Amino acid sequence: MSENDSVNTSVPPSGTGCSECDDLSPQGWWFHLRRCATCGHIGCCDSSPGQHASAHYAQTGHRLIQSFEPDEDWFYDYGSDEMRSGPELAPPTSHPESQPVPGPEGRVPADWMNRLHR
């Protein structure tokens, strides 16, 4: 297994939201969050306007992600386009349950459903 296929169970997530969305001006919003299983980067899913989790894969080659949603523990492999299973990653394993979906609170437009990628 190459470094880009590796799962690092000791690295914590980079935050509780998509760092690229947070860095935008004006700040962006996301539908669901994904966590890089190699480096802990949190990015928004491909249904989100920014699609930052898959952009992270394209930039780094880190192909394995895990859902960063409460009560979800599935993995996905961008390289093979397959769902996977994997070990428990370092906590926290999801964004706070109090964080709304889509989120974050106050940045989601009223017509958010029309802005999702399908």
C-alpha atoms as a PDB file:
ATOM      1  CA  MET A   1       0.000   0.000   0.000  1.00  0.00           C
ATOM      2  CA  SER A   2       1.398   3.396  -0.954  1.00  0.00           C
ATOM      3  CA  GLU A   3       1.374   6.516   1.254  1.00  0.00           C
ATOM      4  CA  ASN A   4      -1.641   7.784  -0.698  1.00  0.00           C
ATOM      5  CA  ASP A   5      -3.548   4.615   0.242  1.00  0.00           C
ATOM      6  CA  SER A   6      -2.608   4.816   3.915  1.00  0.00           C
ATOM      7  CA  VAL A   7      -4.902   5.381   6.860  1.00  0.00           C
ATOM      8  CA  ASN A   8      -3.395   7.306   9.764  1.00  0.00           C
ATOM      9  CA  THR A   9      -5.401   6.504  12.896  1.00  0.00           C
ATOM     10  CA  SER A  10      -3.453   8.952  15.076  1.00  0.00           C
ATOM     11  CA  VAL A  11      -3.949  12.232  13.196  1.00  0.00           C
ATOM     12  CA  PRO A  12      -6.903  14.332  14.401  1.00  0.00           C
ATOM     13  CA  PRO A  13      -9.277  16.084  11.982  1.00  0.00           C
ATOM     14  CA  SER A  14      -8.205  19.530  10.787  1.00  0.00           C
ATOM     15  CA  GLY A  15     -11.306  21.157  12.311  1.00  0.00           C
ATOM     16  CA  THR A  16     -15.081  20.896  12.520  1.00  0.00           C
ATOM     17  CA  GLY A  17     -15.827  22.317   9.064  1.00  0.00           C
ATOM     18  CA  CYS A  18     -14.418  22.652   5.566  1.00  0.00           C
ATOM     19  CA  SER A  19     -11.277  24.749   5.876  1.00  0.00           C
ATOM     20  CA  GLU A  20     -11.424  25.952   2.264  1.00  0.00           C
ATOM     21  CA  CYS A  21     -15.046  27.115   2.665  1.00  0.00           C
ATOM     22  CA  ASP A  22     -14.039  28.903   5.860  1.00  0.00           C
ATOM     23  CA  ASP A  23     -11.146  30.633   4.051  1.00  0.00           C
ATOM     24  CA  LEU A  24     -13.288  32.009   1.207  1.00  0.00           C
ATOM     25  CA  SER A  25     -14.381  35.628   1.158  1.00  0.00           C
ATOM     26  CA  PRO A  26     -17.295  35.653   1.599  1.00  0.00           C
ATOM     27  CA  GLN A  27     -17.169  32.378   3.468  1.00  0.00           C
ATOM     28  CA  GLY A  28     -18.741  29.347   1.833  1.00  0.00           C
ATOM     29  CA  TRP A  29     -21.057  26.611   3.091  1.00  0.00           C
ATOM     30  CA  TRP A  30     -21.265  22.846   2.732  1.00  0.00           C
ATOM     31  CA  PHE A  31     -23.784  20.048   2.517  1.00  0.00           C
ATOM     32  CA  HIS A  32     -21.802  17.170   4.086  1.00  0.00           C
ATOM     33  CA  LEU A  33     -18.231  16.865   5.325  1.00  0.00           C
ATOM     34  CA  ARG A  34     -15.522  14.325   4.501  1.00  0.00           C
ATOM     35  CA  ARG A  35     -12.280  13.560   6.345  1.00  0.00           C
ATOM     36  CA  CYS A  36      -9.030  12.566   4.669  1.00  0.00           C
ATOM     37  CA  ALA A  37      -7.967   9.281   6.281  1.00  0.00           C
ATOM     38  CA  THR A  38      -4.311  10.054   5.570  1.00  0.00           C
ATOM     39  CA  CYS A  39      -3.839  13.604   6.906  1.00  0.00           C
ATOM     40  CA  GLY A  40      -7.118  14.537   8.651  1.00  0.00           C
ATOM     41  CA  HIS A  41      -8.085  17.333   6.231  1.00  0.00           C
ATOM     42  CA  ILE A  42     -11.797  18.172   6.453  1.00  0.00           C
ATOM     43  CA  GLY A  43     -13.402  19.105   3.148  1.00  0.00           C
ATOM     44  CA  CYS A  44     -16.921  19.401   1.809  1.00  0.00           C
ATOM     45  CA  CYS A  45     -18.538  16.616  -0.222  1.00  0.00           C
ATOM     46  CA  ASP A  46     -19.060  16.551  -3.979  1.00  0.00           C
ATOM     47  CA  SER A  47     -22.689  17.648  -3.582  1.00  0.00           C
ATOM     48  CA  SER A  48     -21.441  20.858  -1.932  1.00  0.00           C
ATOM     49  CA  PRO A  49     -20.724  23.945  -4.051  1.00  0.00           C
ATOM     50  CA  GLY A  50     -16.973  23.852  -3.305  1.00  0.00           C
ATOM     51  CA  GLN A  51     -16.329  20.103  -3.652  1.00  0.00           C
ATOM     52  CA  HIS A  52     -13.195  20.575  -1.545  1.00  0.00           C
ATOM     53  CA  ALA A  53     -12.739  16.951  -0.379  1.00  0.00           C
ATOM     54  CA  SER A  54     -12.250  15.698  -3.942  1.00  0.00           C
ATOM     55  CA  ALA A  55     -10.107  18.772  -4.711  1.00  0.00           C
ATOM     56  CA  HIS A  56      -7.881  17.712  -1.790  1.00  0.00           C
ATOM     57  CA  TYR A  57      -7.541  14.272  -3.371  1.00  0.00           C
ATOM     58  CA  ALA A  58      -6.673  15.828  -6.747  1.00  0.00           C
ATOM     59  CA  GLN A  59      -4.034  18.053  -5.129  1.00  0.00           C
ATOM     60  CA  THR A  60      -2.456  15.528  -2.740  1.00  0.00           C
ATOM     61  CA  GLY A  61      -3.280  12.075  -4.099  1.00  0.00           C
ATOM     62  CA  HIS A  62      -4.702  11.131  -0.678  1.00  0.00           C
ATOM     63  CA  ARG A  63      -7.375   8.821  -1.980  1.00  0.00           C
ATOM     64  CA  LEU A  64      -9.128   7.522   1.150  1.00  0.00           C
ATOM     65  CA  ILE A  65     -11.784   9.566   2.948  1.00  0.00           C
ATOM     66  CA  GLN A  66     -14.244   8.870   5.721  1.00  0.00           C
ATOM     67  CA  SER A  67     -17.580  10.525   6.290  1.00  0.00           C
ATOM     68  CA  PHE A  68     -17.335  13.250   8.949  1.00  0.00           C
ATOM     69  CA  GLU A  69     -21.061  13.131   9.672  1.00  0.00           C
ATOM     70  CA  PRO A  70     -22.462  11.919  13.021  1.00  0.00           C
ATOM     71  CA  ASP A  71     -23.344   8.210  13.073  1.00  0.00           C
ATOM     72  CA  GLU A  72     -21.544   7.494   9.773  1.00  0.00           C
ATOM     73  CA  ASP A  73     -18.302   5.520   9.620  1.00  0.00           C
ATOM     74  CA  TRP A  74     -17.976   4.547   5.950  1.00  0.00           C
ATOM     75  CA  PHE A  75     -14.819   5.059   3.890  1.00  0.00           C
ATOM     76  CA  TYR A  76     -14.556   5.880   0.186  1.00  0.00           C
ATOM     77  CA  ASP A  77     -11.592   5.402  -2.153  1.00  0.00           C
ATOM     78  CA  TYR A  78     -11.349   8.117  -4.822  1.00  0.00           C
ATOM     79  CA  GLY A  79      -8.718   6.086  -6.694  1.00  0.00           C
ATOM     80  CA  SER A  80     -10.873   3.005  -7.213  1.00  0.00           C
ATOM     81  CA  ASP A  81     -14.284   4.723  -6.883  1.00  0.00           C
ATOM     82  CA  GLU A  82     -15.288   2.142  -4.252  1.00  0.00           C
ATOM     83  CA  MET A  83     -16.763   2.183  -0.784  1.00  0.00           C
ATOM     84  CA  ARG A  84     -14.429   0.707   1.808  1.00  0.00           C
ATOM     85  CA  SER A  85     -14.298  -0.199   5.469  1.00  0.00           C
ATOM     86  CA  GLY A  86     -11.511   0.913   7.755  1.00  0.00           C
ATOM     87  CA  PRO A  87     -10.353   1.403  11.315  1.00  0.00           C
ATOM     88  CA  GLU A  88     -11.637   3.993  13.758  1.00  0.00           C
ATOM     89  CA  LEU A  89      -9.812   7.281  13.259  1.00  0.00           C
ATOM     90  CA  ALA A  90      -8.607   9.646  16.000  1.00  0.00           C
ATOM     91  CA  PRO A  91     -11.414  11.590  17.661  1.00  0.00           C
ATOM     92  CA  PRO A  92     -13.516  13.445  17.043  1.00  0.00           C
ATOM     93  CA  THR A  93     -15.002  11.198  14.363  1.00  0.00           C
ATOM     94  CA  SER A  94     -17.619  13.716  13.200  1.00  0.00           C
ATOM     95  CA  HIS A  95     -18.506  17.361  13.318  1.00  0.00           C
ATOM     96  CA  PRO A  96     -20.465  18.366  16.438  1.00  0.00           C
ATOM     97  CA  GLU A  97     -24.043  17.093  16.384  1.00  0.00           C
ATOM     98  CA  SER A  98     -25.157  20.657  17.148  1.00  0.00           C
ATOM     99  CA  GLN A  99     -23.675  21.829  13.806  1.00  0.00           C
ATOM    100  CA  PRO A 100     -26.526  21.907  11.275  1.00  0.00           C
ATOM    101  CA  VAL A 101     -26.569  20.122   7.932  1.00  0.00           C
ATOM    102  CA  PRO A 102     -26.127  21.874   5.640  1.00  0.00           C
ATOM    103  CA  GLY A 103     -23.860  24.215   7.504  1.00  0.00           C
ATOM    104  CA  PRO A 104     -22.542  26.148   9.084  1.00  0.00           C
ATOM    105  CA  GLU A 105     -25.405  28.057  10.622  1.00  0.00           C
ATOM    106  CA  GLY A 106     -25.814  31.549   9.215  1.00  0.00           C
ATOM    107  CA  ARG A 107     -23.983  30.875   5.923  1.00  0.00           C
ATOM    108  CA  VAL A 108     -26.415  28.564   4.113  1.00  0.00           C
ATOM    109  CA  PRO A 109     -28.524  30.366   1.486  1.00  0.00           C
ATOM    110  CA  ALA A 110     -32.295  29.919   1.511  1.00  0.00           C
ATOM    111  CA  ASP A 111     -32.154  28.238  -1.921  1.00  0.00           C
ATOM    112  CA  TRP A 112     -29.375  25.812  -0.923  1.00  0.00           C
ATOM    113  CA  MET A 113     -31.126  22.770  -2.448  1.00  0.00           C
ATOM    114  CA  ASN A 114     -30.935  24.396  -5.877  1.00  0.00           C
ATOM    115  CA  ARG A 115     -27.190  24.950  -5.483  1.00  0.00           C
ATOM    116  CA  LEU A 116     -26.192  21.334  -4.804  1.00  0.00           C
ATOM    117  CA  HIS A 117     -24.178  19.361  -7.347  1.00  0.00           C
ATOM    118  CA  ARG A 118     -25.965  16.195  -8.353  1.00  0.00           C
END
